[in-house]
C-alpha atoms as a PDB file:
ATOM      1  CA  MET A   1      76.170-108.557  -6.113  1.00  0.00           C
ATOM      2  CA  ILE A   2      73.284-106.382  -7.228  1.00  0.00           C
ATOM      3  CA  LEU A   3      74.884-103.194  -5.740  1.00  0.00           C
ATOM      4  CA  VAL A   4      78.075-104.009  -7.579  1.00  0.00           C
ATOM      5  CA  GLN A   5      76.352-104.507 -10.894  1.00  0.00           C
ATOM      6  CA  ARG A   6      74.256-101.356 -10.398  1.00  0.00           C
ATOM      7  CA  ARG A   7      77.440 -99.296  -9.810  1.00  0.00           C
ATOM      8  CA  GLY A   8      79.006-100.714 -12.932  1.00  0.00           C
ATOM      9  CA  ASP A   9      76.047 -99.990 -14.962  1.00  0.00           C
ATOM     10  CA  ARG A  10      76.155 -96.507 -13.738  1.00  0.00           C
ATOM     11  CA  ALA A  11      79.770 -96.164 -14.563  1.00  0.00           C
ATOM     12  CA  ALA A  12      79.368 -97.590 -17.781  1.00  0.00           C
ATOM     13  CA  GLU A  13      76.350 -95.298 -18.442  1.00  0.00           C
ATOM     14  CA  ALA A  14      78.659 -92.360 -17.157  1.00  0.00           C
ATOM     15  CA  ARG A  15      81.341 -93.395 -19.502  1.00  0.00           C
ATOM     16  CA  GLU A  16      79.215 -93.327 -22.554  1.00  0.00           C
ATOM     17  CA  ASN A  17      77.671 -89.896 -21.757  1.00  0.00           C
ATOM     18  CA  LEU A  18      81.147 -88.437 -20.978  1.00  0.00           C
ATOM     19  CA  GLU A  19      82.527 -89.924 -24.183  1.00  0.00           C
ATOM     20  CA  LYS A  20      79.580 -88.383 -26.102  1.00  0.00           C
ATOM     21  CA  ALA A  21      80.295 -84.854 -24.347  1.00  0.00           C
ATOM     22  CA  ILE A  22      83.994 -85.155 -25.181  1.00  0.00           C
ATOM     23  CA  ALA A  23      83.176 -85.877 -29.074  1.00  0.00           C
ATOM     24  CA  ILE A  24      81.493 -82.341 -28.849  1.00  0.00           C
ATOM     25  CA  HIS A  25      84.068 -80.368 -26.967  1.00  0.00           C
ATOM     26  CA  ASP A  26      87.276 -82.706 -26.674  1.00  0.00           C
ATOM     27  CA  ARG A  27      89.229 -80.063 -24.699  1.00  0.00           C
ATOM     28  CA  ASN A  28      87.168 -80.002 -21.470  1.00  0.00           C
ATOM     29  CA  PRO A  29      89.658 -81.081 -18.657  1.00  0.00           C
ATOM     30  CA  ARG A  30      86.723 -81.531 -16.222  1.00  0.00           C
ATOM     31  CA  ALA A  31      85.142 -83.972 -18.685  1.00  0.00           C
ATOM     32  CA  TRP A  32      88.429 -85.832 -19.106  1.00  0.00           C
ATOM     33  CA  ASN A  33      88.789 -86.274 -15.342  1.00  0.00           C
ATOM     34  CA  ALA A  34      85.362 -87.468 -14.816  1.00  0.00           C
ATOM     35  CA  LEU A  35      85.873 -89.954 -17.661  1.00  0.00           C
ATOM     36  CA  GLY A  36      89.027 -91.126 -16.016  1.00  0.00           C
ATOM     37  CA  VAL A  37      87.158 -91.767 -12.941  1.00  0.00           C
ATOM     38  CA  ALA A  38      84.479 -93.750 -14.685  1.00  0.00           C
ATOM     39  CA  TRP A  39      87.192 -95.943 -16.397  1.00  0.00           C
ATOM     40  CA  MET A  40      88.652 -96.540 -12.905  1.00  0.00           C
ATOM     41  CA  GLN A  41      85.206 -97.579 -11.583  1.00  0.00           C
ATOM     42  CA  LEU A  42      85.292 -99.865 -14.558  1.00  0.00           C
ATOM     43  CA  ALA A  43      88.553-101.508 -13.569  1.00  0.00           C
ATOM     44  CA  ALA A  44      90.439 -99.952 -16.305  1.00  0.00           C
ATOM     45  CA  PRO A  45      93.283 -98.201 -14.689  1.00  0.00           C
ATOM     46  CA  GLU A  46      95.428 -97.501 -17.808  1.00  0.00           C
ATOM     47  CA  LYS A  47      92.299 -96.075 -19.442  1.00  0.00           C
ATOM     48  CA  ALA A  48      91.650 -94.038 -16.608  1.00  0.00           C
ATOM     49  CA  ILE A  49      95.189 -92.638 -16.395  1.00  0.00           C
ATOM     50  CA  GLU A  50      95.013 -91.700 -20.216  1.00  0.00           C
ATOM     51  CA  GLY A  51      91.737 -89.758 -19.324  1.00  0.00           C
ATOM     52  CA  TRP A  52      93.404 -88.091 -16.519  1.00  0.00           C
ATOM     53  CA  THR A  53      96.626 -87.226 -18.580  1.00  0.00           C
ATOM     54  CA  LYS A  54      94.357 -85.508 -21.232  1.00  0.00           C
ATOM     55  CA  ALA A  55      92.608 -83.633 -18.466  1.00  0.00           C
ATOM     56  CA  VAL A  56      96.094 -82.155 -17.211  1.00  0.00           C
ATOM     57  CA  ALA A  57      97.242 -81.598 -20.895  1.00  0.00           C
ATOM     58  CA  TYR A  58      94.299 -79.324 -21.278  1.00  0.00           C
ATOM     59  CA  ASN A  59      94.506 -77.793 -17.772  1.00  0.00           C
ATOM     60  CA  PRO A  60      97.914 -78.289 -15.931  1.00  0.00           C
ATOM     61  CA  LYS A  61      95.950 -77.211 -12.811  1.00  0.00           C
ATOM     62  CA  GLN A  62      93.477 -79.901 -12.829  1.00  0.00           C
ATOM     63  CA  TYR A  63      94.679 -81.168  -9.423  1.00  0.00           C
ATOM     64  CA  ASP A  64      92.085 -83.901  -9.146  1.00  0.00           C
ATOM     65  CA  ALA A  65      93.487 -85.610 -12.224  1.00  0.00           C
ATOM     66  CA  LEU A  66      97.070 -85.146 -11.102  1.00  0.00           C
ATOM     67  CA  TYR A  67      96.189 -86.773  -7.765  1.00  0.00           C
ATOM     68  CA  ASN A  68      94.251 -89.455  -9.303  1.00  0.00           C
ATOM     69  CA  ILE A  69      97.161 -90.307 -11.383  1.00  0.00           C
ATOM     70  CA  GLY A  70      99.519 -90.280  -8.566  1.00  0.00           C
ATOM     71  CA  LEU A  71      97.254 -92.572  -6.631  1.00  0.00           C
ATOM     72  CA  VAL A  72      96.574 -95.012  -9.218  1.00  0.00           C
ATOM     73  CA  SER A  73     100.151 -94.985 -10.284  1.00  0.00           C
ATOM     74  CA  ALA A  74     101.267 -95.940  -6.760  1.00  0.00           C
ATOM     75  CA  ARG A  75      98.482 -98.740  -6.673  1.00  0.00           C
ATOM     76  CA  THR A  76      99.784-100.118  -9.971  1.00  0.00           C
ATOM     77  CA  GLY A  77     103.360-100.112  -9.004  1.00  0.00           C
ATOM     78  CA  ASP A  78     104.572 -97.359 -11.209  1.00  0.00           C
ATOM     79  CA  LYS A  79     106.358 -95.482  -8.507  1.00  0.00           C
ATOM     80  CA  ALA A  80     108.275 -92.972 -10.801  1.00  0.00           C
ATOM     81  CA  ARG A  81     105.017 -91.743 -12.160  1.00  0.00           C
ATOM     82  CA  ALA A  82     103.440 -91.593  -8.543  1.00  0.00           C
ATOM     83  CA  ARG A  83     106.134 -89.419  -7.142  1.00  0.00           C
ATOM     84  CA  GLU A  84     106.018 -87.028 -10.087  1.00  0.00           C
ATOM     85  CA  ARG A  85     102.468 -86.067  -9.701  1.00  0.00           C
ATOM     86  CA  PRO A  86     102.791 -84.489  -6.117  1.00  0.00           C
ATOM     87  CA  ARG A  87     105.872 -82.829  -7.338  1.00  0.00           C
ATOM     88  CA  ALA A  88     104.065 -80.911 -10.177  1.00  0.00           C
ATOM     89  CA  ILE A  89     101.377 -79.910  -7.772  1.00  0.00           C
ATOM     90  CA  ARG A  90     103.887 -78.518  -5.323  1.00  0.00           C
ATOM     91  CA  ARG A  91     105.875 -76.816  -8.265  1.00  0.00           C
ATOM     92  CA  ASP A  92     102.839 -75.204  -9.450  1.00  0.00           C
ATOM     93  CA  ARG A  93     101.759 -73.863  -5.952  1.00  0.00           C
ATOM     94  CA  ALA A  94     105.181 -72.464  -5.247  1.00  0.00           C
ATOM     95  CA  SER A  95     105.276 -70.419  -8.542  1.00  0.00           C
ATOM     96  CA  ARG A  96     101.940 -68.962  -7.714  1.00  0.00           C
ATOM     97  CA  ALA A  97     103.151 -68.051  -4.153  1.00  0.00           C
ATOM     98  CA  ILE A  98     106.375 -66.223  -5.726  1.00  0.00           C
ATOM     99  CA  CYS A  99     104.033 -64.633  -8.168  1.00  0.00           C
ATOM    100  CA  ALA A 100     101.596 -63.233  -5.626  1.00  0.00           C
END
């Protein structure tokens, strides 16, 4: 129980710090991705998806965020959104291979 509480406390602290960082520089995709992870650790999947969606909006090649959206969407039963994320990654990789 204590370990779970500590993890939750650290996730809450991380969330607070990331929100402060985003208040200063709100277009940082890595910060948005990390905030999504913190929200997920706090058992808030919809908030997590919001963070990851912003990360992808600021950097469409933020693959960690795309993966996380797909994974959490699958776990929460949103199969359409879960299937779309891997497709977005494959399309991007295919376009880079053609351009190379």
